[in-house]
N, C-alpha and C. Protein backbone atom coordinates (compact mmCIF):
# COMPACT_ATOMS: atom_id res chain seq x y z
N UNK A 1 167.36 -45.75 0.00
CA UNK A 1 166.95 -46.24 -1.33
C UNK A 1 166.25 -47.61 -1.16
N UNK A 2 165.01 -47.66 -1.69
CA UNK A 2 164.32 -48.94 -1.68
C UNK A 2 164.43 -49.68 -2.94
N UNK A 3 164.21 -50.98 -2.89
CA UNK A 3 164.12 -51.86 -4.06
C UNK A 3 162.65 -52.18 -4.30
N UNK A 4 162.19 -51.81 -5.53
CA UNK A 4 160.80 -52.05 -5.87
C UNK A 4 160.71 -53.12 -6.81
N UNK A 5 159.92 -54.25 -6.37
CA UNK A 5 159.80 -55.45 -7.29
C UNK A 5 158.59 -55.26 -8.18
N UNK A 6 158.83 -55.51 -9.44
CA UNK A 6 157.75 -55.38 -10.43
C UNK A 6 157.88 -56.64 -11.38
N UNK A 7 156.84 -56.80 -12.14
CA UNK A 7 156.79 -57.85 -13.16
C UNK A 7 156.05 -57.33 -14.40
N UNK A 8 156.39 -57.92 -15.52
CA UNK A 8 155.79 -57.50 -16.77
C UNK A 8 155.81 -58.64 -17.79
N UNK A 9 155.17 -58.38 -18.94
CA UNK A 9 154.98 -59.37 -19.93
C UNK A 9 155.43 -58.80 -21.31
N UNK A 10 155.88 -59.74 -22.08
CA UNK A 10 156.16 -59.42 -23.54
C UNK A 10 155.14 -60.38 -24.23
N UNK A 11 153.89 -59.80 -24.50
CA UNK A 11 152.86 -60.59 -25.17
C UNK A 11 153.17 -60.85 -26.64
N UNK A 12 152.81 -62.09 -27.02
CA UNK A 12 152.99 -62.51 -28.48
C UNK A 12 151.87 -63.29 -28.94
N UNK A 13 151.70 -63.38 -30.27
CA UNK A 13 150.74 -64.18 -30.92
C UNK A 13 151.32 -64.71 -32.16
N UNK A 14 150.89 -65.98 -32.54
CA UNK A 14 151.34 -66.55 -33.83
C UNK A 14 150.19 -66.45 -34.76
N UNK A 15 150.39 -65.84 -35.96
CA UNK A 15 149.31 -65.69 -36.92
C UNK A 15 149.18 -67.07 -37.66
N UNK A 16 148.03 -67.31 -38.41
CA UNK A 16 147.86 -68.52 -39.14
C UNK A 16 149.00 -68.76 -40.20
N UNK A 17 149.60 -67.67 -40.63
CA UNK A 17 150.73 -67.73 -41.59
C UNK A 17 152.06 -68.23 -40.90
N UNK A 18 152.03 -68.33 -39.59
CA UNK A 18 153.26 -68.69 -38.83
C UNK A 18 153.98 -67.47 -38.29
N UNK A 19 153.69 -66.26 -38.84
CA UNK A 19 154.33 -65.09 -38.39
C UNK A 19 154.10 -64.78 -36.96
N UNK A 20 155.10 -64.34 -36.18
CA UNK A 20 154.95 -63.95 -34.79
C UNK A 20 154.84 -62.48 -34.67
N UNK A 21 153.90 -62.07 -33.85
CA UNK A 21 153.77 -60.61 -33.62
C UNK A 21 153.87 -60.36 -32.08
N UNK A 22 154.43 -59.24 -31.76
CA UNK A 22 154.62 -58.84 -30.36
C UNK A 22 153.76 -57.60 -30.13
N UNK A 23 153.06 -57.53 -28.98
CA UNK A 23 152.25 -56.42 -28.63
C UNK A 23 153.03 -55.38 -27.83
N UNK A 24 153.06 -54.15 -28.34
CA UNK A 24 153.69 -53.04 -27.60
C UNK A 24 152.56 -52.02 -27.21
N UNK A 25 152.82 -51.31 -26.09
CA UNK A 25 151.93 -50.38 -25.64
C UNK A 25 152.66 -49.02 -25.45
N UNK A 26 151.92 -47.94 -25.50
CA UNK A 26 152.52 -46.56 -25.35
C UNK A 26 152.55 -46.29 -23.79
N UNK A 27 153.50 -45.51 -23.45
CA UNK A 27 153.52 -44.90 -22.08
C UNK A 27 152.30 -44.05 -21.94
N UNK A 28 151.69 -44.02 -20.74
CA UNK A 28 150.55 -43.14 -20.53
C UNK A 28 150.81 -41.69 -20.67
N UNK A 29 152.11 -41.32 -20.56
CA UNK A 29 152.51 -39.93 -20.53
C UNK A 29 153.17 -39.48 -21.93
N UNK A 30 153.58 -40.44 -22.71
CA UNK A 30 154.22 -40.14 -23.98
C UNK A 30 153.79 -41.25 -25.04
N UNK A 31 152.96 -40.76 -25.98
CA UNK A 31 152.46 -41.73 -26.97
C UNK A 31 153.53 -42.12 -27.99
N UNK A 32 154.70 -41.51 -27.90
CA UNK A 32 155.79 -41.86 -28.84
C UNK A 32 156.82 -42.79 -28.17
N UNK A 33 156.50 -43.20 -26.89
CA UNK A 33 157.43 -44.05 -26.16
C UNK A 33 156.74 -45.44 -26.03
N UNK A 34 157.24 -46.45 -26.64
CA UNK A 34 156.66 -47.74 -26.71
C UNK A 34 157.37 -48.75 -25.76
N UNK A 35 156.62 -49.52 -25.06
CA UNK A 35 157.18 -50.51 -24.05
C UNK A 35 156.31 -51.67 -23.92
N UNK A 36 156.50 -52.47 -22.86
CA UNK A 36 155.66 -53.63 -22.55
C UNK A 36 154.98 -53.42 -21.22
N UNK A 37 153.77 -54.08 -21.07
CA UNK A 37 153.09 -54.00 -19.82
C UNK A 37 153.92 -54.46 -18.57
N UNK A 38 153.85 -53.66 -17.47
CA UNK A 38 154.49 -53.98 -16.31
C UNK A 38 153.95 -53.21 -15.12
N UNK A 39 154.16 -53.75 -13.89
CA UNK A 39 153.67 -53.01 -12.70
C UNK A 39 154.14 -53.62 -11.42
N UNK A 40 153.76 -52.98 -10.32
CA UNK A 40 154.13 -53.43 -8.99
C UNK A 40 153.57 -54.85 -8.67
N UNK A 41 154.32 -55.62 -7.99
CA UNK A 41 153.78 -56.92 -7.51
C UNK A 41 153.00 -56.68 -6.28
N UNK A 42 151.72 -57.01 -6.28
CA UNK A 42 150.88 -56.83 -5.14
C UNK A 42 151.14 -57.87 -4.02
N UNK A 43 150.94 -57.58 -2.73
CA UNK A 43 151.17 -58.57 -1.71
C UNK A 43 150.34 -59.89 -2.02
N UNK A 44 151.08 -60.97 -1.85
CA UNK A 44 150.48 -62.28 -2.09
C UNK A 44 150.37 -62.71 -3.51
N UNK A 45 150.88 -61.89 -4.43
CA UNK A 45 150.81 -62.14 -5.87
C UNK A 45 152.14 -62.63 -6.38
N UNK A 46 152.15 -63.60 -7.24
CA UNK A 46 153.42 -64.08 -7.85
C UNK A 46 153.78 -63.13 -8.99
N UNK A 47 155.02 -63.09 -9.39
CA UNK A 47 155.40 -62.24 -10.54
C UNK A 47 154.56 -62.55 -11.78
N UNK A 48 154.29 -63.93 -12.06
CA UNK A 48 153.52 -64.27 -13.21
C UNK A 48 152.09 -63.78 -13.09
N UNK A 49 151.49 -63.74 -11.86
CA UNK A 49 150.16 -63.19 -11.72
C UNK A 49 150.17 -61.70 -12.04
N UNK A 50 151.20 -61.03 -11.55
CA UNK A 50 151.33 -59.59 -11.80
C UNK A 50 151.40 -59.32 -13.32
N UNK A 51 152.27 -60.09 -13.99
CA UNK A 51 152.40 -59.96 -15.49
C UNK A 51 151.04 -60.11 -16.17
N UNK A 52 150.28 -61.12 -15.80
CA UNK A 52 148.97 -61.36 -16.37
C UNK A 52 148.05 -60.22 -16.01
N UNK A 53 148.01 -59.74 -14.83
CA UNK A 53 147.10 -58.60 -14.41
C UNK A 53 147.51 -57.31 -15.15
N UNK A 54 148.74 -57.00 -15.19
CA UNK A 54 149.22 -55.78 -15.78
C UNK A 54 148.93 -55.76 -17.32
N UNK A 55 149.08 -56.94 -17.91
CA UNK A 55 148.76 -57.05 -19.33
C UNK A 55 147.35 -56.72 -19.63
N UNK A 56 146.46 -57.26 -18.78
CA UNK A 56 145.02 -56.99 -18.92
C UNK A 56 144.74 -55.54 -18.75
N UNK A 57 145.28 -54.90 -17.67
CA UNK A 57 145.00 -53.55 -17.32
C UNK A 57 145.52 -52.61 -18.40
N UNK A 58 146.77 -52.78 -18.82
CA UNK A 58 147.48 -51.82 -19.65
C UNK A 58 147.34 -52.11 -21.13
N UNK A 59 147.08 -53.33 -21.47
CA UNK A 59 146.95 -53.66 -22.92
C UNK A 59 145.62 -54.17 -23.36
N UNK A 60 144.73 -54.56 -22.40
CA UNK A 60 143.36 -55.05 -22.74
C UNK A 60 143.42 -56.44 -23.38
N UNK A 61 144.40 -57.29 -23.03
CA UNK A 61 144.36 -58.68 -23.51
C UNK A 61 144.59 -59.64 -22.38
N UNK A 62 144.19 -60.85 -22.60
CA UNK A 62 144.52 -61.96 -21.63
C UNK A 62 145.74 -62.66 -22.26
N UNK A 63 146.73 -62.81 -21.46
CA UNK A 63 147.99 -63.49 -21.94
C UNK A 63 148.40 -64.46 -20.80
N UNK A 64 148.98 -65.60 -21.25
CA UNK A 64 149.39 -66.59 -20.38
C UNK A 64 150.94 -66.52 -20.19
N UNK A 65 151.41 -66.04 -19.07
CA UNK A 65 152.87 -65.90 -18.86
C UNK A 65 153.56 -67.27 -18.87
N UNK A 66 154.57 -67.26 -19.64
CA UNK A 66 155.45 -68.48 -19.77
C UNK A 66 156.83 -68.27 -19.16
N UNK A 67 157.91 -68.54 -19.94
CA UNK A 67 159.27 -68.45 -19.38
C UNK A 67 159.67 -67.01 -19.02
N UNK A 68 160.51 -66.99 -18.02
CA UNK A 68 161.13 -65.67 -17.59
C UNK A 68 162.13 -65.38 -18.67
N UNK A 69 162.10 -64.12 -19.22
CA UNK A 69 163.02 -63.76 -20.29
C UNK A 69 164.01 -62.68 -19.97
N UNK A 70 164.08 -62.22 -18.66
CA UNK A 70 165.03 -61.31 -18.26
C UNK A 70 164.53 -60.26 -17.30
N UNK A 71 165.40 -59.43 -16.88
CA UNK A 71 165.10 -58.37 -15.81
C UNK A 71 165.58 -57.03 -16.31
N UNK A 72 164.82 -56.03 -16.08
CA UNK A 72 165.12 -54.67 -16.36
C UNK A 72 165.36 -53.96 -14.97
N UNK A 73 166.43 -53.28 -14.81
CA UNK A 73 166.70 -52.57 -13.54
C UNK A 73 166.88 -51.12 -13.88
N UNK A 74 166.17 -50.19 -13.21
CA UNK A 74 166.39 -48.82 -13.44
C UNK A 74 166.13 -48.01 -12.12
N UNK A 75 166.63 -46.81 -12.03
CA UNK A 75 166.47 -46.02 -10.84
C UNK A 75 165.61 -44.78 -11.23
N UNK A 76 164.64 -44.53 -10.39
CA UNK A 76 163.78 -43.36 -10.60
C UNK A 76 164.36 -42.17 -9.86
N UNK A 77 163.69 -41.03 -10.05
CA UNK A 77 164.33 -39.75 -9.56
C UNK A 77 164.42 -39.77 -8.07
N UNK A 78 163.63 -40.47 -7.29
CA UNK A 78 163.77 -40.43 -5.87
C UNK A 78 164.83 -41.38 -5.39
N UNK A 79 165.51 -42.06 -6.28
CA UNK A 79 166.59 -43.01 -5.92
C UNK A 79 166.23 -44.47 -5.69
N UNK A 80 164.90 -44.77 -5.81
CA UNK A 80 164.48 -46.12 -5.65
C UNK A 80 164.88 -46.98 -6.87
N UNK A 81 165.35 -48.13 -6.60
CA UNK A 81 165.70 -49.10 -7.67
C UNK A 81 164.53 -49.95 -8.04
N UNK A 82 164.11 -49.98 -9.27
CA UNK A 82 163.05 -50.76 -9.74
C UNK A 82 163.59 -51.97 -10.51
N UNK A 83 163.15 -53.17 -10.04
CA UNK A 83 163.56 -54.41 -10.75
C UNK A 83 162.37 -55.13 -11.35
N UNK A 84 162.31 -55.20 -12.68
CA UNK A 84 161.14 -55.68 -13.41
C UNK A 84 161.51 -57.01 -14.04
N UNK A 85 160.89 -58.08 -13.64
CA UNK A 85 161.06 -59.45 -14.18
C UNK A 85 160.02 -59.56 -15.31
N UNK A 86 160.48 -59.89 -16.53
CA UNK A 86 159.66 -60.00 -17.69
C UNK A 86 159.43 -61.52 -18.09
N UNK A 87 158.21 -61.79 -18.49
CA UNK A 87 157.84 -63.14 -18.89
C UNK A 87 157.29 -63.02 -20.36
N UNK A 88 157.62 -63.99 -21.12
CA UNK A 88 157.05 -64.12 -22.46
C UNK A 88 155.62 -64.68 -22.17
N UNK A 89 154.63 -64.01 -22.83
CA UNK A 89 153.25 -64.31 -22.54
C UNK A 89 152.44 -64.54 -23.74
N UNK A 90 151.85 -65.70 -23.88
CA UNK A 90 151.06 -66.00 -25.12
C UNK A 90 149.64 -65.43 -25.05
N UNK A 91 149.32 -64.73 -26.11
CA UNK A 91 147.97 -64.09 -26.30
C UNK A 91 146.92 -65.16 -26.24
N UNK A 92 145.83 -64.89 -25.44
CA UNK A 92 144.68 -65.77 -25.35
C UNK A 92 143.39 -65.19 -25.84
N UNK A 93 143.37 -63.82 -25.79
CA UNK A 93 142.15 -63.18 -26.26
C UNK A 93 142.09 -61.75 -25.74
N UNK A 94 141.12 -61.03 -26.13
CA UNK A 94 140.85 -59.64 -25.76
C UNK A 94 139.94 -59.65 -24.47
N UNK A 95 140.09 -58.56 -23.73
CA UNK A 95 139.26 -58.41 -22.50
C UNK A 95 139.07 -56.91 -22.27
N UNK A 96 138.47 -56.59 -21.11
CA UNK A 96 138.26 -55.21 -20.72
C UNK A 96 139.60 -54.54 -20.66
N UNK A 97 139.67 -53.29 -21.06
CA UNK A 97 140.92 -52.51 -21.11
C UNK A 97 140.77 -51.23 -20.31
N UNK A 98 141.08 -51.32 -18.96
CA UNK A 98 140.91 -50.16 -18.08
C UNK A 98 141.70 -48.92 -18.48
N UNK A 99 142.82 -49.10 -19.16
CA UNK A 99 143.76 -47.93 -19.52
C UNK A 99 143.62 -47.57 -21.01
N UNK A 100 142.48 -47.95 -21.62
CA UNK A 100 142.33 -47.69 -23.07
C UNK A 100 142.36 -46.15 -23.43
N UNK A 101 141.96 -45.34 -22.51
CA UNK A 101 141.92 -43.91 -22.78
C UNK A 101 143.36 -43.26 -22.50
N UNK A 102 144.26 -44.04 -21.89
CA UNK A 102 145.55 -43.46 -21.53
C UNK A 102 146.66 -44.04 -22.47
N UNK A 103 146.39 -45.15 -23.14
CA UNK A 103 147.47 -45.81 -23.92
C UNK A 103 146.97 -46.20 -25.23
N UNK A 104 147.94 -46.43 -26.13
CA UNK A 104 147.72 -47.00 -27.42
C UNK A 104 148.41 -48.39 -27.42
N UNK A 105 147.92 -49.22 -28.35
CA UNK A 105 148.60 -50.54 -28.46
C UNK A 105 148.69 -50.91 -29.91
N UNK A 106 149.72 -51.72 -30.27
CA UNK A 106 149.81 -52.13 -31.61
C UNK A 106 150.53 -53.56 -31.61
N UNK A 107 150.10 -54.44 -32.51
CA UNK A 107 150.78 -55.67 -32.72
C UNK A 107 151.77 -55.43 -33.88
N UNK A 108 153.01 -55.88 -33.69
CA UNK A 108 154.02 -55.62 -34.65
C UNK A 108 154.89 -56.94 -34.85
N UNK A 109 155.34 -57.12 -36.11
CA UNK A 109 156.27 -58.22 -36.36
C UNK A 109 157.53 -58.03 -35.47
N UNK A 110 158.28 -59.12 -35.22
CA UNK A 110 159.40 -58.99 -34.32
C UNK A 110 160.36 -57.89 -34.73
N UNK A 111 160.70 -57.76 -35.97
CA UNK A 111 161.66 -56.71 -36.38
C UNK A 111 161.08 -55.39 -36.15
N UNK A 112 159.76 -55.20 -36.46
CA UNK A 112 159.12 -53.86 -36.23
C UNK A 112 159.09 -53.52 -34.71
N UNK A 113 158.78 -54.56 -33.94
CA UNK A 113 158.72 -54.28 -32.47
C UNK A 113 160.04 -53.89 -31.88
N UNK A 114 161.10 -54.49 -32.39
CA UNK A 114 162.45 -54.18 -32.00
C UNK A 114 162.78 -52.80 -32.39
N UNK A 115 162.41 -52.34 -33.59
CA UNK A 115 162.68 -51.00 -34.03
C UNK A 115 161.79 -49.89 -33.29
N UNK A 116 160.77 -50.40 -32.68
CA UNK A 116 159.81 -49.43 -32.08
C UNK A 116 159.98 -49.19 -30.58
N UNK A 117 160.31 -50.21 -29.85
CA UNK A 117 160.43 -50.10 -28.43
C UNK A 117 161.71 -49.40 -28.04
N UNK A 118 161.75 -48.93 -26.80
CA UNK A 118 162.97 -48.25 -26.28
C UNK A 118 164.08 -49.33 -26.25
N UNK A 119 165.32 -48.85 -26.43
CA UNK A 119 166.51 -49.80 -26.51
C UNK A 119 166.65 -50.75 -25.30
N UNK A 120 166.18 -50.29 -24.12
CA UNK A 120 166.24 -51.19 -23.01
C UNK A 120 165.50 -52.48 -23.13
N UNK A 121 164.48 -52.45 -24.03
CA UNK A 121 163.65 -53.64 -24.23
C UNK A 121 164.03 -54.56 -25.30
N UNK A 122 165.08 -54.17 -26.11
CA UNK A 122 165.51 -54.94 -27.23
C UNK A 122 165.89 -56.45 -26.81
N UNK A 123 166.56 -56.51 -25.66
CA UNK A 123 166.99 -57.85 -25.23
C UNK A 123 165.83 -58.77 -24.97
N UNK A 124 164.70 -58.31 -24.62
CA UNK A 124 163.55 -59.16 -24.42
C UNK A 124 163.04 -59.69 -25.79
N UNK A 125 163.07 -58.88 -26.81
CA UNK A 125 162.66 -59.33 -28.11
C UNK A 125 163.61 -60.35 -28.68
N UNK A 126 164.88 -60.13 -28.43
CA UNK A 126 165.89 -61.08 -28.92
C UNK A 126 165.70 -62.44 -28.25
N UNK A 127 165.42 -62.47 -26.90
CA UNK A 127 165.12 -63.68 -26.15
C UNK A 127 163.84 -64.33 -26.68
N UNK A 128 162.84 -63.57 -26.89
CA UNK A 128 161.55 -64.05 -27.37
C UNK A 128 161.77 -64.75 -28.74
N UNK A 129 162.55 -64.14 -29.64
CA UNK A 129 162.82 -64.67 -30.93
C UNK A 129 163.54 -66.04 -30.81
N UNK A 130 164.52 -66.16 -29.89
CA UNK A 130 165.23 -67.39 -29.68
C UNK A 130 164.30 -68.50 -29.15
N UNK A 131 163.39 -68.19 -28.41
CA UNK A 131 162.42 -69.15 -27.84
C UNK A 131 161.38 -69.59 -28.89
N UNK A 132 160.85 -68.59 -29.59
CA UNK A 132 159.67 -68.81 -30.45
C UNK A 132 160.04 -69.33 -31.89
N UNK A 133 161.22 -69.06 -32.36
CA UNK A 133 161.59 -69.50 -33.70
C UNK A 133 162.39 -70.71 -33.70
């Protein structure tokens, strides 16, 4: 069994009204399964660089990774353990979206995002709320 290091982001933006929105993306295989951008850490890349790159590739936005907000650990069918470090990432703008034909994205208020993402991701929204409000 191998341990696979990954990193991801919980992108957010603050509207002029002060409301905070979280960006969620669909799984490329299930459009009813909502999560956050994440992927493998490439050699020589920091986890924050991975979070930034994956957010651009999977969600089509530029986001600036900030504080570490937790880790998700899961095992895939081959027995490998995946450890994903998540960072709260502030939205900076839109960019090319390589996976636009494979994924959907939506900006949601904190409460909506929590109701939409898989339960494993709720803890990241809770931490984001504590930091941002």
